[in-house]
Amino acid sequence: MKENLLQFLKFFLVGSLNFLIDLGILFLLISASGMDKGWQYSVFKGISFFIATVNSYFLNRAWTFESKERKFNLFLLISIIGFFINVGVASLVVNSISPWFGLNSKTWAIIGAVKGSFVGLFWNFLGYKFIVFKENV
């Protein structure tokens, strides 16, 4: 139990860094283009998610799960499902729900990304722990 909690804490820290990478790249793409909704938002979110996912693989393999095996293809499969969860929820929020509390559309785009990341967090941890980096006992 203690080992699982420590592993989840490491996963959370790696995920927090990846979340910042994801949001940072998304914010840069939105700011550079001026496009914060529609299909362009979904493309930008996909790009930022992919870059954060590559970083996630290396940090989770080496530090969180301390795996010697290189299972990038399996990691990528779990991440692709996570991608559809993450980007799907974010896009649903941004493109289907009007901004609340008078927030502007750029802030709402970031809030959508936060919601997508939160929902995807649980899928990714379980998939990485029990499928990709599972211990062969």
C-alpha atoms as a PDB file:
ATOM      1  CA  MET A   1       0.000   0.000   0.000  1.00  0.00           C
ATOM      2  CA  LYS A   2       2.783   2.410   0.955  1.00  0.00           C
ATOM      3  CA  GLU A   3       4.657   1.579  -2.258  1.00  0.00           C
ATOM      4  CA  ASN A   4       1.550   2.262  -4.362  1.00  0.00           C
ATOM      5  CA  LEU A   5       1.011   5.594  -2.638  1.00  0.00           C
ATOM      6  CA  LEU A   6       4.643   6.612  -3.232  1.00  0.00           C
ATOM      7  CA  GLN A   7       4.344   5.514  -6.853  1.00  0.00           C
ATOM      8  CA  PHE A   8       1.166   7.559  -7.293  1.00  0.00           C
ATOM      9  CA  LEU A   9       2.883  10.579  -5.713  1.00  0.00           C
ATOM     10  CA  LYS A  10       5.771  10.244  -8.195  1.00  0.00           C
ATOM     11  CA  PHE A  11       3.248   9.841 -11.013  1.00  0.00           C
ATOM     12  CA  PHE A  12       1.450  12.948  -9.802  1.00  0.00           C
ATOM     13  CA  LEU A  13       4.699  14.955  -9.748  1.00  0.00           C
ATOM     14  CA  VAL A  14       5.687  13.792 -13.235  1.00  0.00           C
ATOM     15  CA  GLY A  15       2.150  14.451 -14.377  1.00  0.00           C
ATOM     16  CA  SER A  16       2.253  17.942 -12.873  1.00  0.00           C
ATOM     17  CA  LEU A  17       5.374  18.731 -14.880  1.00  0.00           C
ATOM     18  CA  ASN A  18       3.794  17.274 -18.011  1.00  0.00           C
ATOM     19  CA  PHE A  19       0.639  19.257 -17.312  1.00  0.00           C
ATOM     20  CA  LEU A  20       2.699  22.460 -17.205  1.00  0.00           C
ATOM     21  CA  ILE A  21       4.430  21.487 -20.449  1.00  0.00           C
ATOM     22  CA  ASP A  22       1.040  20.716 -22.027  1.00  0.00           C
ATOM     23  CA  LEU A  23      -0.525  23.998 -20.899  1.00  0.00           C
ATOM     24  CA  GLY A  24       2.568  26.040 -21.729  1.00  0.00           C
ATOM     25  CA  ILE A  25       2.729  24.780 -25.293  1.00  0.00           C
ATOM     26  CA  LEU A  26      -1.047  25.133 -25.687  1.00  0.00           C
ATOM     27  CA  PHE A  27      -0.891  28.715 -24.408  1.00  0.00           C
ATOM     28  CA  LEU A  28       1.977  29.552 -26.783  1.00  0.00           C
ATOM     29  CA  LEU A  29       0.096  28.111 -29.768  1.00  0.00           C
ATOM     30  CA  ILE A  30      -3.095  29.982 -28.848  1.00  0.00           C
ATOM     31  CA  SER A  31      -1.208  33.218 -28.251  1.00  0.00           C
ATOM     32  CA  ALA A  32       0.809  32.958 -31.472  1.00  0.00           C
ATOM     33  CA  SER A  33      -2.221  32.184 -33.637  1.00  0.00           C
ATOM     34  CA  GLY A  34      -5.018  34.015 -31.832  1.00  0.00           C
ATOM     35  CA  MET A  35      -7.200  30.900 -32.263  1.00  0.00           C
ATOM     36  CA  ASP A  36      -8.709  29.609 -29.042  1.00  0.00           C
ATOM     37  CA  LYS A  37     -11.638  27.450 -30.181  1.00  0.00           C
ATOM     38  CA  GLY A  38     -12.905  25.270 -32.989  1.00  0.00           C
ATOM     39  CA  TRP A  39     -10.879  22.595 -34.764  1.00  0.00           C
ATOM     40  CA  GLN A  40      -7.710  24.679 -34.362  1.00  0.00           C
ATOM     41  CA  TYR A  41      -8.002  24.414 -30.581  1.00  0.00           C
ATOM     42  CA  SER A  42      -8.300  20.630 -30.852  1.00  0.00           C
ATOM     43  CA  VAL A  43      -5.194  20.476 -33.077  1.00  0.00           C
ATOM     44  CA  PHE A  44      -3.230  22.715 -30.689  1.00  0.00           C
ATOM     45  CA  LYS A  45      -4.349  20.600 -27.725  1.00  0.00           C
ATOM     46  CA  GLY A  46      -3.287  17.456 -29.567  1.00  0.00           C
ATOM     47  CA  ILE A  47       0.189  18.880 -30.282  1.00  0.00           C
ATOM     48  CA  SER A  48       0.719  20.004 -26.698  1.00  0.00           C
ATOM     49  CA  PHE A  49      -0.564  16.677 -25.362  1.00  0.00           C
ATOM     50  CA  PHE A  50       1.782  14.667 -27.599  1.00  0.00           C
ATOM     51  CA  ILE A  51       4.886  16.617 -26.546  1.00  0.00           C
ATOM     52  CA  ALA A  52       3.983  16.202 -22.877  1.00  0.00           C
ATOM     53  CA  THR A  53       3.356  12.471 -23.455  1.00  0.00           C
ATOM     54  CA  VAL A  54       6.833  11.861 -24.861  1.00  0.00           C
ATOM     55  CA  ASN A  55       8.310  13.544 -21.788  1.00  0.00           C
ATOM     56  CA  SER A  56       5.968  11.476 -19.619  1.00  0.00           C
ATOM     57  CA  TYR A  57       7.227   8.198 -21.063  1.00  0.00           C
ATOM     58  CA  PHE A  58      10.848   8.865 -20.210  1.00  0.00           C
ATOM     59  CA  LEU A  59      10.211  10.207 -16.698  1.00  0.00           C
ATOM     60  CA  ASN A  60       7.659   7.546 -15.753  1.00  0.00           C
ATOM     61  CA  ARG A  61       9.776   4.694 -17.097  1.00  0.00           C
ATOM     62  CA  ALA A  62      12.935   5.848 -15.336  1.00  0.00           C
ATOM     63  CA  TRP A  63      11.613   7.308 -12.088  1.00  0.00           C
ATOM     64  CA  THR A  64       7.966   6.536 -11.298  1.00  0.00           C
ATOM     65  CA  PHE A  65       7.838   2.867 -12.254  1.00  0.00           C
ATOM     66  CA  GLU A  66      11.611   2.260 -12.468  1.00  0.00           C
ATOM     67  CA  SER A  67      11.204  -0.010 -15.440  1.00  0.00           C
ATOM     68  CA  LYS A  68      14.128  -1.338 -17.442  1.00  0.00           C
ATOM     69  CA  GLU A  69      11.862  -2.533 -20.225  1.00  0.00           C
ATOM     70  CA  ARG A  70      11.256  -0.286 -23.189  1.00  0.00           C
ATOM     71  CA  LYS A  71       7.578  -0.510 -24.015  1.00  0.00           C
ATOM     72  CA  PHE A  72       7.067   2.713 -25.886  1.00  0.00           C
ATOM     73  CA  ASN A  73       4.528   1.167 -28.294  1.00  0.00           C
ATOM     74  CA  LEU A  74       2.338  -0.046 -25.430  1.00  0.00           C
ATOM     75  CA  PHE A  75       2.837   3.265 -23.616  1.00  0.00           C
ATOM     76  CA  LEU A  76       1.793   5.059 -26.781  1.00  0.00           C
ATOM     77  CA  LEU A  77      -1.352   2.912 -27.109  1.00  0.00           C
ATOM     78  CA  ILE A  78      -2.449   3.719 -23.536  1.00  0.00           C
ATOM     79  CA  SER A  79      -1.529   7.369 -24.144  1.00  0.00           C
ATOM     80  CA  ILE A  80      -3.568   7.504 -27.359  1.00  0.00           C
ATOM     81  CA  ILE A  81      -6.628   6.360 -25.429  1.00  0.00           C
ATOM     82  CA  GLY A  82      -5.701   8.947 -22.788  1.00  0.00           C
ATOM     83  CA  PHE A  83      -5.345  11.484 -25.594  1.00  0.00           C
ATOM     84  CA  PHE A  84      -8.925  10.903 -26.747  1.00  0.00           C
ATOM     85  CA  ILE A  85     -10.157  11.184 -23.157  1.00  0.00           C
ATOM     86  CA  ASN A  86      -8.082  14.318 -22.464  1.00  0.00           C
ATOM     87  CA  VAL A  87      -8.653  16.157 -25.739  1.00  0.00           C
ATOM     88  CA  GLY A  88     -12.254  14.969 -25.958  1.00  0.00           C
ATOM     89  CA  VAL A  89     -13.183  16.355 -22.556  1.00  0.00           C
ATOM     90  CA  ALA A  90     -11.224  19.585 -23.168  1.00  0.00           C
ATOM     91  CA  SER A  91     -12.821  20.099 -26.592  1.00  0.00           C
ATOM     92  CA  LEU A  92     -16.278  19.306 -25.242  1.00  0.00           C
ATOM     93  CA  VAL A  93     -15.886  21.944 -22.519  1.00  0.00           C
ATOM     94  CA  VAL A  94     -14.431  24.602 -24.839  1.00  0.00           C
ATOM     95  CA  ASN A  95     -16.659  24.041 -27.852  1.00  0.00           C
ATOM     96  CA  SER A  96     -19.951  23.069 -26.175  1.00  0.00           C
ATOM     97  CA  ILE A  97     -20.126  25.080 -22.956  1.00  0.00           C
ATOM     98  CA  SER A  98     -20.073  28.858 -22.904  1.00  0.00           C
ATOM     99  CA  PRO A  99     -17.502  30.400 -20.545  1.00  0.00           C
ATOM    100  CA  TRP A 100     -18.779  30.741 -16.989  1.00  0.00           C
ATOM    101  CA  PHE A 101     -18.462  33.725 -14.655  1.00  0.00           C
ATOM    102  CA  GLY A 102     -17.682  36.124 -17.501  1.00  0.00           C
ATOM    103  CA  LEU A 103     -14.338  34.471 -18.270  1.00  0.00           C
ATOM    104  CA  ASN A 104     -12.777  35.261 -21.627  1.00  0.00           C
ATOM    105  CA  SER A 105     -12.379  32.533 -24.237  1.00  0.00           C
ATOM    106  CA  LYS A 106      -8.610  32.117 -23.730  1.00  0.00           C
ATOM    107  CA  THR A 107      -9.064  31.515 -20.003  1.00  0.00           C
ATOM    108  CA  TRP A 108     -11.945  29.137 -20.778  1.00  0.00           C
ATOM    109  CA  ALA A 109      -9.668  27.244 -23.196  1.00  0.00           C
ATOM    110  CA  ILE A 110      -7.157  26.699 -20.380  1.00  0.00           C
ATOM    111  CA  ILE A 111      -9.943  25.617 -18.003  1.00  0.00           C
ATOM    112  CA  GLY A 112     -11.075  23.096 -20.626  1.00  0.00           C
ATOM    113  CA  ALA A 113      -7.523  21.760 -20.794  1.00  0.00           C
ATOM    114  CA  VAL A 114      -7.405  21.435 -16.992  1.00  0.00           C
ATOM    115  CA  LYS A 115     -10.646  19.455 -16.965  1.00  0.00           C
ATOM    116  CA  GLY A 116      -9.419  17.166 -19.741  1.00  0.00           C
ATOM    117  CA  SER A 117      -6.129  16.541 -17.956  1.00  0.00           C
ATOM    118  CA  PHE A 118      -7.854  15.755 -14.667  1.00  0.00           C
ATOM    119  CA  VAL A 119     -10.166  13.170 -16.228  1.00  0.00           C
ATOM    120  CA  GLY A 120      -7.283  11.606 -18.167  1.00  0.00           C
ATOM    121  CA  LEU A 121      -5.072  11.402 -15.046  1.00  0.00           C
ATOM    122  CA  PHE A 122      -6.809   8.328 -13.650  1.00  0.00           C
ATOM    123  CA  TRP A 123      -6.884   6.406 -16.922  1.00  0.00           C
ATOM    124  CA  ASN A 124      -3.194   7.063 -17.523  1.00  0.00           C
ATOM    125  CA  PHE A 125      -2.050   6.000 -14.043  1.00  0.00           C
ATOM    126  CA  LEU A 126      -3.991   2.754 -14.123  1.00  0.00           C
ATOM    127  CA  GLY A 127      -2.961   1.968 -17.693  1.00  0.00           C
ATOM    128  CA  TYR A 128       0.716   2.684 -17.095  1.00  0.00           C
ATOM    129  CA  LYS A 129       0.847   0.867 -13.751  1.00  0.00           C
ATOM    130  CA  PHE A 130      -1.086  -2.274 -14.657  1.00  0.00           C
ATOM    131  CA  ILE A 131      -0.417  -2.604 -18.379  1.00  0.00           C
ATOM    132  CA  VAL A 132       2.735  -0.780 -19.503  1.00  0.00           C
ATOM    133  CA  PHE A 133       5.038  -0.886 -16.494  1.00  0.00           C
ATOM    134  CA  LYS A 134       3.502  -3.774 -14.565  1.00  0.00           C
ATOM    135  CA  GLU A 135       5.971  -5.764 -12.551  1.00  0.00           C
ATOM    136  CA  ASN A 136       6.510  -9.298 -13.776  1.00  0.00           C
ATOM    137  CA  VAL A 137       6.242 -11.178 -10.507  1.00  0.00           C
END
